[in-house]
Amino acid sequence: TWGGGWVSPPLFAWFEYLLSLVAALVDPEMLVVSNLSYASEATIAFQRASVIATESVLILAAYLFCRRAKRGAFGVLAFLIALNPGLLIVDHIHFQYN
């Protein structure tokens, strides 16, 4: 079990599971664990589309959150959330396709 406040790893596992269900429809070969260097055009398109889709959800959530902020803070909050370097580096470089 995950101790303390660790909610993220189980949620991330469910997120990856849901992505794998869609990935199986696109190209089942990308889910074979022994295919470490597998890269079909469908796989690359799916990876790019999944990043665009998940970032769109993040931007929508940032918009809905920042909508309640003061008028001057809206742009700053949206910028800080949507372009957070930690999210971009950790999500896109490490977790997404490592």
Protein backbone atom coordinates (compact mmCIF):
# COMPACT_ATOMS: atom_id res chain seq x y z
CA THR A 1 0.00 0.00 0.00
CA TRP A 2 1.01 3.61 -0.45
CA GLY A 3 1.66 5.30 2.86
CA GLY A 4 0.99 8.85 3.90
CA GLY A 5 -0.47 11.20 1.34
CA TRP A 6 0.55 9.19 -1.73
CA VAL A 7 -2.52 9.45 -3.91
CA SER A 8 -0.72 10.13 -7.17
CA PRO A 9 0.90 6.73 -7.94
CA PRO A 10 -2.37 4.73 -7.85
CA LEU A 11 -4.18 7.45 -9.82
CA PHE A 12 -1.37 7.50 -12.34
CA ALA A 13 -1.60 3.72 -12.67
CA TRP A 14 -5.32 4.02 -13.46
CA PHE A 15 -4.58 6.80 -15.94
CA GLU A 16 -2.00 4.62 -17.69
CA TYR A 17 -4.44 1.70 -17.69
CA LEU A 18 -7.10 3.83 -19.40
CA LEU A 19 -4.53 4.99 -21.95
CA SER A 20 -3.60 1.36 -22.61
CA LEU A 21 -7.22 0.50 -23.40
CA VAL A 22 -7.24 3.15 -26.13
CA ALA A 23 -3.73 2.20 -27.26
CA ALA A 24 -4.86 -1.40 -27.82
CA LEU A 25 -7.40 -0.12 -30.33
CA VAL A 26 -4.78 1.94 -32.17
CA ASP A 27 -1.88 -0.53 -32.32
CA PRO A 28 -1.82 -3.55 -29.96
CA GLU A 29 1.89 -4.15 -30.65
CA MET A 30 2.85 -1.02 -28.70
CA LEU A 31 1.64 -2.73 -25.54
CA VAL A 32 3.97 -5.72 -25.82
CA VAL A 33 6.51 -5.23 -23.04
CA SER A 34 9.34 -6.92 -24.96
CA ASN A 35 8.97 -4.39 -27.85
CA LEU A 36 11.07 -1.73 -26.16
CA SER A 37 12.19 -0.07 -29.39
CA TYR A 38 8.88 -0.49 -31.22
CA ALA A 39 7.78 2.69 -33.01
CA SER A 40 5.11 2.42 -35.68
CA GLU A 41 3.50 5.49 -37.21
CA ALA A 42 0.28 4.67 -35.35
CA THR A 43 2.18 4.47 -32.06
CA ILE A 44 3.87 7.82 -32.57
CA ALA A 45 0.56 9.43 -33.59
CA PHE A 46 -1.12 7.97 -30.49
CA GLN A 47 1.64 9.23 -28.20
CA ARG A 48 1.43 12.73 -29.64
CA ALA A 49 -2.37 12.76 -29.52
CA SER A 50 -2.39 11.54 -25.92
CA VAL A 51 -0.10 14.42 -24.90
CA ILE A 52 -2.29 16.95 -26.70
CA ALA A 53 -5.46 15.51 -25.15
CA THR A 54 -4.11 15.38 -21.59
CA GLU A 55 -2.60 18.87 -21.85
CA SER A 56 -5.96 20.13 -23.10
CA VAL A 57 -7.58 18.69 -19.97
CA LEU A 58 -4.93 20.45 -17.84
CA ILE A 59 -5.52 23.76 -19.61
CA LEU A 60 -9.29 23.42 -19.22
CA ALA A 61 -8.89 22.66 -15.51
CA ALA A 62 -6.56 25.66 -15.14
CA TYR A 63 -9.10 27.85 -16.92
CA LEU A 64 -11.96 26.67 -14.70
CA PHE A 65 -9.83 27.16 -11.58
CA CYS A 66 -8.53 30.59 -12.59
CA ARG A 67 -11.95 31.82 -13.67
CA ARG A 68 -12.70 32.48 -10.01
CA ALA A 69 -9.50 34.47 -9.47
CA LYS A 70 -9.24 38.24 -9.53
CA ARG A 71 -9.12 39.74 -12.97
CA GLY A 72 -5.39 40.59 -12.95
CA ALA A 73 -4.36 37.24 -11.50
CA PHE A 74 -6.19 35.14 -14.09
CA GLY A 75 -3.48 35.29 -16.77
CA VAL A 76 -0.67 34.74 -14.30
CA LEU A 77 -2.34 31.72 -12.70
CA ALA A 78 -3.25 30.18 -16.05
CA PHE A 79 0.31 30.67 -17.29
CA LEU A 80 1.86 29.19 -14.14
CA ILE A 81 -0.40 26.14 -14.17
CA ALA A 82 -0.41 25.37 -17.91
CA LEU A 83 3.29 25.96 -18.49
CA ASN A 84 4.65 24.60 -15.22
CA PRO A 85 8.17 23.38 -16.07
CA GLY A 86 7.91 20.59 -13.51
CA LEU A 87 4.83 19.16 -15.19
CA LEU A 88 6.29 19.54 -18.66
CA ILE A 89 9.62 17.92 -17.79
CA VAL A 90 8.34 15.16 -15.51
CA ASP A 91 5.23 14.29 -17.51
CA HIS A 92 6.43 14.61 -21.07
CA ILE A 93 10.05 13.61 -20.80
CA HIS A 94 10.11 11.10 -17.97
CA PHE A 95 6.72 9.41 -17.56
CA GLN A 96 5.04 9.73 -20.92
CA TYR A 97 7.56 7.88 -23.11
CA ASN A 98 10.39 6.71 -20.92
